[in-house]
Amino acid sequence: MSNKPVAESLKIVLADTYSLYLKTQNYHWNVTGPHFKSLHMLFEEQYNDLFTAVDVIAERIRTLGEKAPGTFSAYQKVSSIKEGNEKADAQTMVKELAEDQGKIITTLTETLQAAQNAGDEGTIGIIVDRISVHEKNAWMLKSSL
């Protein structure tokens, strides 16, 4: 199966997902303050989900006949997710991660449109599931502010 436009869009989803994974794990390790335990656990739950999603997305790219990018430099070129600052306070961490959930939802929505245009039901299923996860994550994070 080959669907280059959908695969190219998924490469951006992969870059955003991996970048958000790394940033969330960074904040999990470095969060401090009176809400440390709850945020530490929330961030861990979210980065574990992102870790699993990275593999699913990369394998979908391969299923579509393309190579999955796997370098920081490739991700930095296309990701809308900026690196995290481990010295940030907890509220800044939560705010940034909530905003990043919105960014990845935008990327996923654009990819969903490409998959719908191509009639790619396999990718549509993956993307719809990911949008739901990121909407819930955004809600959890915003509710923590």
C-alpha atoms as a PDB file:
ATOM      1  CA  MET A   1       0.000   0.000   0.000  1.00  0.00           C
ATOM      2  CA  SER A   2       1.338   3.448  -0.815  1.00  0.00           C
ATOM      3  CA  ASN A   3      -0.196   6.752   0.105  1.00  0.00           C
ATOM      4  CA  LYS A   4       2.546   9.340   0.165  1.00  0.00           C
ATOM      5  CA  PRO A   5       0.418  12.403   1.166  1.00  0.00           C
ATOM      6  CA  VAL A   6      -0.990  10.597   4.201  1.00  0.00           C
ATOM      7  CA  ALA A   7       2.425   9.169   5.128  1.00  0.00           C
ATOM      8  CA  GLU A   8       4.021  12.628   4.879  1.00  0.00           C
ATOM      9  CA  SER A   9       1.346  14.043   7.160  1.00  0.00           C
ATOM     10  CA  LEU A  10       1.869  11.156   9.591  1.00  0.00           C
ATOM     11  CA  LYS A  11       5.580  12.012   9.718  1.00  0.00           C
ATOM     12  CA  ILE A  12       4.619  15.374  11.220  1.00  0.00           C
ATOM     13  CA  VAL A  13       2.321  13.605  13.696  1.00  0.00           C
ATOM     14  CA  LEU A  14       5.237  11.333  14.598  1.00  0.00           C
ATOM     15  CA  ALA A  15       7.543  14.313  15.125  1.00  0.00           C
ATOM     16  CA  ASP A  16       4.993  16.092  17.311  1.00  0.00           C
ATOM     17  CA  THR A  17       4.244  12.931  19.281  1.00  0.00           C
ATOM     18  CA  TYR A  18       7.890  12.111  19.931  1.00  0.00           C
ATOM     19  CA  SER A  19       8.684  15.725  20.835  1.00  0.00           C
ATOM     20  CA  LEU A  20       5.755  15.856  23.252  1.00  0.00           C
ATOM     21  CA  TYR A  21       6.806  12.501  24.709  1.00  0.00           C
ATOM     22  CA  LEU A  22      10.296  13.805  25.446  1.00  0.00           C
ATOM     23  CA  LYS A  23       9.030  17.100  26.862  1.00  0.00           C
ATOM     24  CA  THR A  24       6.463  15.375  29.083  1.00  0.00           C
ATOM     25  CA  GLN A  25       9.055  12.946  30.392  1.00  0.00           C
ATOM     26  CA  ASN A  26      11.429  15.851  31.062  1.00  0.00           C
ATOM     27  CA  TYR A  27       8.731  17.587  33.092  1.00  0.00           C
ATOM     28  CA  HIS A  28       7.878  14.336  34.897  1.00  0.00           C
ATOM     29  CA  TRP A  29      11.476  14.091  36.077  1.00  0.00           C
ATOM     30  CA  ASN A  30      11.843  17.733  37.044  1.00  0.00           C
ATOM     31  CA  VAL A  31       8.509  18.992  38.358  1.00  0.00           C
ATOM     32  CA  THR A  32       8.572  20.359  41.921  1.00  0.00           C
ATOM     33  CA  GLY A  33       6.195  22.121  44.255  1.00  0.00           C
ATOM     34  CA  PRO A  34       3.143  21.442  46.382  1.00  0.00           C
ATOM     35  CA  HIS A  35       1.436  19.408  43.611  1.00  0.00           C
ATOM     36  CA  PHE A  36       4.538  17.371  42.832  1.00  0.00           C
ATOM     37  CA  LYS A  37       3.054  13.917  43.370  1.00  0.00           C
ATOM     38  CA  SER A  38      -0.133  14.429  41.348  1.00  0.00           C
ATOM     39  CA  LEU A  39       1.698  16.170  38.479  1.00  0.00           C
ATOM     40  CA  HIS A  40       4.538  13.639  38.529  1.00  0.00           C
ATOM     41  CA  MET A  41       1.956  10.858  38.151  1.00  0.00           C
ATOM     42  CA  LEU A  42      -0.102  12.717  35.512  1.00  0.00           C
ATOM     43  CA  PHE A  43       2.977  13.419  33.408  1.00  0.00           C
ATOM     44  CA  GLU A  44       4.061   9.783  33.699  1.00  0.00           C
ATOM     45  CA  GLU A  45       0.668   8.542  32.551  1.00  0.00           C
ATOM     46  CA  GLN A  46       0.799  10.869  29.565  1.00  0.00           C
ATOM     47  CA  TYR A  47       4.370  10.128  28.490  1.00  0.00           C
ATOM     48  CA  ASN A  48       3.724   6.368  28.729  1.00  0.00           C
ATOM     49  CA  ASP A  49       0.787   6.771  26.354  1.00  0.00           C
ATOM     50  CA  LEU A  50       2.897   8.886  23.990  1.00  0.00           C
ATOM     51  CA  PHE A  51       5.656   6.251  24.032  1.00  0.00           C
ATOM     52  CA  THR A  52       3.191   3.633  22.806  1.00  0.00           C
ATOM     53  CA  ALA A  53       1.685   6.008  20.243  1.00  0.00           C
ATOM     54  CA  VAL A  54       5.087   6.707  18.667  1.00  0.00           C
ATOM     55  CA  ASP A  55       5.406   3.058  17.655  1.00  0.00           C
ATOM     56  CA  VAL A  56       1.854   2.835  16.311  1.00  0.00           C
ATOM     57  CA  ILE A  57       2.332   5.967  14.199  1.00  0.00           C
ATOM     58  CA  ALA A  58       5.749   4.898  12.889  1.00  0.00           C
ATOM     59  CA  GLU A  59       4.422   1.474  11.944  1.00  0.00           C
ATOM     60  CA  ARG A  60       1.509   3.073  10.103  1.00  0.00           C
ATOM     61  CA  ILE A  61       3.978   5.155   8.082  1.00  0.00           C
ATOM     62  CA  ARG A  62       5.806   1.929   7.184  1.00  0.00           C
ATOM     63  CA  THR A  63       2.506   0.257   6.287  1.00  0.00           C
ATOM     64  CA  LEU A  64       1.916   3.101   3.831  1.00  0.00           C
ATOM     65  CA  GLY A  65       5.226   2.297   2.138  1.00  0.00           C
ATOM     66  CA  GLU A  66       7.385   5.096   3.515  1.00  0.00           C
ATOM     67  CA  LYS A  67      10.339   5.158   5.897  1.00  0.00           C
ATOM     68  CA  ALA A  68       9.572   6.484   9.372  1.00  0.00           C
ATOM     69  CA  PRO A  69      11.907   9.288  10.452  1.00  0.00           C
ATOM     70  CA  GLY A  70      13.736   8.569  13.691  1.00  0.00           C
ATOM     71  CA  THR A  71      16.149  11.404  14.435  1.00  0.00           C
ATOM     72  CA  PHE A  72      15.915  14.500  16.575  1.00  0.00           C
ATOM     73  CA  SER A  73      17.006  16.661  13.658  1.00  0.00           C
ATOM     74  CA  ALA A  74      14.206  15.292  11.447  1.00  0.00           C
ATOM     75  CA  TYR A  75      11.662  15.934  14.195  1.00  0.00           C
ATOM     76  CA  GLN A  76      12.914  19.449  14.948  1.00  0.00           C
ATOM     77  CA  LYS A  77      12.430  20.453  11.306  1.00  0.00           C
ATOM     78  CA  VAL A  78       8.686  19.765  11.328  1.00  0.00           C
ATOM     79  CA  SER A  79       7.434  19.578  14.927  1.00  0.00           C
ATOM     80  CA  SER A  80       5.243  22.309  16.364  1.00  0.00           C
ATOM     81  CA  ILE A  81       6.274  21.214  19.889  1.00  0.00           C
ATOM     82  CA  LYS A  82       9.124  23.242  21.371  1.00  0.00           C
ATOM     83  CA  GLU A  83      11.635  21.802  23.828  1.00  0.00           C
ATOM     84  CA  GLY A  84      10.800  22.028  27.503  1.00  0.00           C
ATOM     85  CA  ASN A  85      12.784  23.869  30.135  1.00  0.00           C
ATOM     86  CA  GLU A  86      13.398  21.575  33.104  1.00  0.00           C
ATOM     87  CA  LYS A  87      13.910  24.665  35.286  1.00  0.00           C
ATOM     88  CA  ALA A  88      10.352  25.919  34.692  1.00  0.00           C
ATOM     89  CA  ASP A  89       7.941  26.031  37.614  1.00  0.00           C
ATOM     90  CA  ALA A  90       5.133  23.479  37.800  1.00  0.00           C
ATOM     91  CA  GLN A  91       2.438  25.868  36.592  1.00  0.00           C
ATOM     92  CA  THR A  92       4.481  26.785  33.501  1.00  0.00           C
ATOM     93  CA  MET A  93       5.065  23.100  32.786  1.00  0.00           C
ATOM     94  CA  VAL A  94       1.354  22.333  32.982  1.00  0.00           C
ATOM     95  CA  LYS A  95       0.442  25.369  30.879  1.00  0.00           C
ATOM     96  CA  GLU A  96       2.959  24.468  28.162  1.00  0.00           C
ATOM     97  CA  LEU A  97       1.882  20.835  28.035  1.00  0.00           C
ATOM     98  CA  ALA A  98      -1.783  21.862  27.795  1.00  0.00           C
ATOM     99  CA  GLU A  99      -0.932  24.171  24.889  1.00  0.00           C
ATOM    100  CA  ASP A 100       1.092  21.397  23.266  1.00  0.00           C
ATOM    101  CA  GLN A 101      -1.897  19.057  23.450  1.00  0.00           C
ATOM    102  CA  GLY A 102      -3.787  21.643  21.414  1.00  0.00           C
ATOM    103  CA  LYS A 103      -0.961  21.854  18.890  1.00  0.00           C
ATOM    104  CA  ILE A 104      -0.879  18.115  18.391  1.00  0.00           C
ATOM    105  CA  ILE A 105      -4.679  18.038  18.006  1.00  0.00           C
ATOM    106  CA  THR A 106      -4.271  20.546  15.167  1.00  0.00           C
ATOM    107  CA  THR A 107      -1.639  18.354  13.500  1.00  0.00           C
ATOM    108  CA  LEU A 108      -3.842  15.285  13.942  1.00  0.00           C
ATOM    109  CA  THR A 109      -6.874  17.078  12.504  1.00  0.00           C
ATOM    110  CA  GLU A 110      -4.891  18.038   9.403  1.00  0.00           C
ATOM    111  CA  THR A 111      -3.743  14.441   9.038  1.00  0.00           C
ATOM    112  CA  LEU A 112      -7.296  13.198   9.517  1.00  0.00           C
ATOM    113  CA  GLN A 113      -8.385  15.362   6.587  1.00  0.00           C
ATOM    114  CA  ALA A 114      -5.613  13.903   4.391  1.00  0.00           C
ATOM    115  CA  ALA A 115      -6.605  10.360   5.398  1.00  0.00           C
ATOM    116  CA  GLN A 116     -10.295  11.054   4.744  1.00  0.00           C
ATOM    117  CA  ASN A 117      -9.471  12.487   1.321  1.00  0.00           C
ATOM    118  CA  ALA A 118      -7.513   9.317   0.552  1.00  0.00           C
ATOM    119  CA  GLY A 119     -10.175   6.972   1.961  1.00  0.00           C
ATOM    120  CA  ASP A 120      -7.521   5.555   4.303  1.00  0.00           C
ATOM    121  CA  GLU A 121      -9.655   3.932   7.006  1.00  0.00           C
ATOM    122  CA  GLY A 122      -6.687   2.434   8.861  1.00  0.00           C
ATOM    123  CA  THR A 123      -5.087   5.827   9.388  1.00  0.00           C
ATOM    124  CA  ILE A 124      -8.449   7.447  10.143  1.00  0.00           C
ATOM    125  CA  GLY A 125      -8.970   5.003  13.029  1.00  0.00           C
ATOM    126  CA  ILE A 126      -5.557   5.694  14.516  1.00  0.00           C
ATOM    127  CA  ILE A 127      -5.951   9.459  14.208  1.00  0.00           C
ATOM    128  CA  VAL A 128      -9.460   9.581  15.677  1.00  0.00           C
ATOM    129  CA  ASP A 129      -8.253   7.567  18.671  1.00  0.00           C
ATOM    130  CA  ARG A 130      -5.267   9.892  19.159  1.00  0.00           C
ATOM    131  CA  ILE A 131      -7.439  13.019  18.972  1.00  0.00           C
ATOM    132  CA  SER A 132      -9.620  11.633  21.781  1.00  0.00           C
ATOM    133  CA  VAL A 133      -6.566  10.926  23.944  1.00  0.00           C
ATOM    134  CA  HIS A 134      -5.122  14.396  23.408  1.00  0.00           C
ATOM    135  CA  GLU A 135      -8.455  16.101  24.084  1.00  0.00           C
ATOM    136  CA  LYS A 136      -8.647  14.260  27.416  1.00  0.00           C
ATOM    137  CA  ASN A 137      -5.007  15.078  28.205  1.00  0.00           C
ATOM    138  CA  ALA A 138      -5.615  18.759  27.466  1.00  0.00           C
ATOM    139  CA  TRP A 139      -8.630  18.729  29.770  1.00  0.00           C
ATOM    140  CA  MET A 140      -6.654  17.045  32.568  1.00  0.00           C
ATOM    141  CA  LEU A 141      -3.828  19.545  32.259  1.00  0.00           C
ATOM    142  CA  LYS A 142      -6.074  22.623  32.038  1.00  0.00           C
ATOM    143  CA  SER A 143      -7.991  21.398  35.071  1.00  0.00           C
ATOM    144  CA  SER A 144      -4.679  21.282  36.966  1.00  0.00           C
ATOM    145  CA  LEU A 145      -4.017  24.999  36.473  1.00  0.00           C
END
